[in-house]
Amino acid sequence: MNREETRITLRLPADLHAWLTAQAKASRRSLNSEIVHRIEGEYRTAAADNESP
């Protein structure tokens, strides 16, 4: 996807951060890429749900 990027500060509970870090490592992604990947998946699912009758 070609798009503008916005930088944000995100506060996460320590246990969620540790879990996301482990998931990113297992997927061979950076933590940022893992978070974006997961949010984009939810975004696509929500968009598809809104398009269905």
Protein backbone atom coordinates (compact mmCIF):
# COMPACT_ATOMS: atom_id res chain seq x y z
CA MET A 1 0.00 0.00 0.00
CA ASN A 2 1.28 3.41 -0.90
CA ARG A 3 0.11 5.90 1.71
CA GLU A 4 1.10 8.68 4.01
CA GLU A 5 2.26 7.68 7.45
CA THR A 6 1.47 9.27 10.78
CA ARG A 7 3.66 8.80 13.80
CA ILE A 8 1.90 8.17 17.11
CA THR A 9 2.83 7.38 20.68
CA LEU A 10 1.13 4.25 21.94
CA ARG A 11 0.91 3.08 25.53
CA LEU A 12 0.34 -0.63 26.02
CA PRO A 13 0.04 -2.79 29.12
CA ALA A 14 3.34 -4.61 29.68
CA ASP A 15 1.83 -8.05 29.14
CA LEU A 16 0.27 -7.01 25.80
CA HIS A 17 3.59 -5.50 24.71
CA ALA A 18 5.43 -8.71 25.60
CA TRP A 19 2.87 -10.81 23.70
CA LEU A 20 3.01 -8.59 20.61
CA THR A 21 6.82 -8.63 20.71
CA ALA A 22 6.79 -12.45 20.82
CA GLN A 23 4.28 -12.60 17.95
CA ALA A 24 6.40 -10.19 15.90
CA LYS A 25 9.52 -12.28 16.50
CA ALA A 26 7.69 -15.50 15.53
CA SER A 27 6.45 -13.81 12.33
CA ARG A 28 9.87 -12.28 11.63
CA ARG A 29 8.40 -8.76 11.69
CA SER A 30 9.26 -5.64 13.60
CA LEU A 31 6.93 -4.74 16.44
CA ASN A 32 5.60 -1.84 14.38
CA SER A 33 4.96 -4.10 11.37
CA GLU A 34 3.20 -6.65 13.57
CA ILE A 35 0.86 -4.01 15.00
CA VAL A 36 0.12 -2.58 11.54
CA HIS A 37 -0.44 -6.09 10.14
CA ARG A 38 -2.97 -6.93 12.87
CA ILE A 39 -4.80 -3.60 12.63
CA GLU A 40 -4.98 -3.83 8.82
CA GLY A 41 -6.47 -7.33 9.13
CA GLU A 42 -9.19 -6.04 11.45
CA TYR A 43 -9.74 -3.04 9.19
CA ARG A 44 -10.24 -5.26 6.12
CA THR A 45 -12.63 -7.51 8.05
CA ALA A 46 -14.67 -4.53 9.24
CA ALA A 47 -14.76 -3.05 5.73
CA ALA A 48 -15.95 -6.38 4.28
CA ASP A 49 -18.63 -6.66 6.99
CA ASN A 50 -19.88 -3.16 6.15
CA GLU A 51 -20.13 -4.03 2.44
CA SER A 52 -22.23 -7.17 2.93
CA PRO A 53 -26.02 -6.72 2.92
